[in-house]
Amino acid sequence: MGTDMEPRGSWQAINAAARDAWDFLRRLSGDDAYDRYLAHMRAAHPHGATLSRRDFELDRQQRKWSRLSRCC
C-alpha cells in the first residue's frame, strides 16, 4: 500500500549525478568563470576589489581576442 518500488537513495544518487554533470558542463563551457573568479578573490585577496560581472566578461573577451596574431 503506497510503497515505492525504488529506494529513496537511488533518486538522491540520480540528482547528485545530474548536478555533477551540470557543474562539469558549466566548467567546460566557461559559464562558471565569474563564480570561480569570485571564490578565488575571496580566498586569495579578501580585501581586494572585485570586478563586476560585466567588467569581468569584458576583460575576459579582451584577453581572449588580443592574442590573435594572424590576418583573415
Protein backbone atom coordinates (compact mmCIF):
# COMPACT_ATOMS: atom_id res chain seq x y z
CA MET A 1 0.00 0.00 0.00
CA GLY A 2 1.75 3.09 -1.24
CA THR A 3 5.27 1.66 -1.07
CA ASP A 4 7.78 2.76 -3.65
CA MET A 5 9.50 0.16 -5.77
CA GLU A 6 12.82 2.04 -5.70
CA PRO A 7 14.60 3.11 -2.55
CA ARG A 8 14.79 6.83 -1.87
CA GLY A 9 18.60 6.76 -2.10
CA SER A 10 18.57 5.99 -5.81
CA TRP A 11 16.77 9.27 -6.58
CA GLN A 12 19.30 11.10 -4.46
CA ALA A 13 22.11 9.43 -6.39
CA ILE A 14 20.48 10.40 -9.70
CA ASN A 15 20.08 14.00 -8.53
CA ALA A 16 23.69 14.12 -7.37
CA ALA A 17 24.92 12.71 -10.69
CA ALA A 18 22.83 15.21 -12.64
CA ARG A 19 24.16 18.08 -10.50
CA ASP A 20 27.74 16.89 -11.03
CA ALA A 21 27.17 16.63 -14.80
CA TRP A 22 25.68 20.13 -14.87
CA ASP A 23 28.63 21.54 -12.89
CA PHE A 24 31.05 19.80 -15.27
CA LEU A 25 29.32 21.27 -18.33
CA ARG A 26 29.32 24.75 -16.79
CA ARG A 27 33.04 24.49 -16.08
CA LEU A 28 33.79 23.05 -19.52
CA SER A 29 31.92 25.87 -21.27
CA GLY A 30 33.34 28.59 -19.02
CA ASP A 31 29.90 29.53 -17.78
CA ASP A 32 31.07 29.40 -14.16
CA ALA A 33 34.19 31.51 -14.73
CA TYR A 34 32.85 34.51 -12.82
CA ASP A 35 31.81 32.34 -9.87
CA ARG A 36 35.29 30.79 -9.76
CA TYR A 37 36.85 34.28 -10.03
CA LEU A 38 34.82 35.50 -7.04
CA ALA A 39 35.75 32.41 -5.00
CA HIS A 40 39.43 32.95 -5.83
CA MET A 41 39.28 36.62 -4.93
CA ARG A 42 37.59 35.87 -1.59
CA ALA A 43 40.20 33.22 -0.74
CA ALA A 44 43.39 34.80 -2.07
CA HIS A 45 42.63 38.54 -1.95
CA PRO A 46 39.95 39.08 0.69
CA HIS A 47 40.46 42.85 0.87
CA GLY A 48 40.94 43.39 -2.85
CA ALA A 49 38.33 44.92 -5.12
CA THR A 50 36.46 42.60 -7.43
CA LEU A 51 35.24 43.29 -10.93
CA SER A 52 31.56 43.41 -11.71
CA ARG A 53 30.27 40.56 -13.87
CA ARG A 54 30.12 42.92 -16.86
CA ASP A 55 33.69 44.19 -16.37
CA PHE A 56 34.93 40.65 -15.80
CA GLU A 57 33.38 39.47 -19.07
CA LEU A 58 34.73 42.48 -20.98
CA ASP A 59 38.22 41.83 -19.60
CA ARG A 60 37.93 38.15 -20.45
CA GLN A 61 36.93 38.92 -24.04
CA GLN A 62 39.72 41.48 -24.39
CA ARG A 63 42.32 38.97 -23.18
CA LYS A 64 40.90 36.27 -25.46
CA TRP A 65 40.88 38.33 -28.65
CA SER A 66 44.10 40.27 -28.05
CA ARG A 67 46.11 37.07 -28.52
CA LEU A 68 45.10 36.65 -32.15
CA SER A 69 48.09 37.34 -34.34
CA ARG A 70 47.05 36.29 -37.79
CA CYS A 71 45.34 38.02 -40.62
CA CYS A 72 41.99 36.90 -42.02
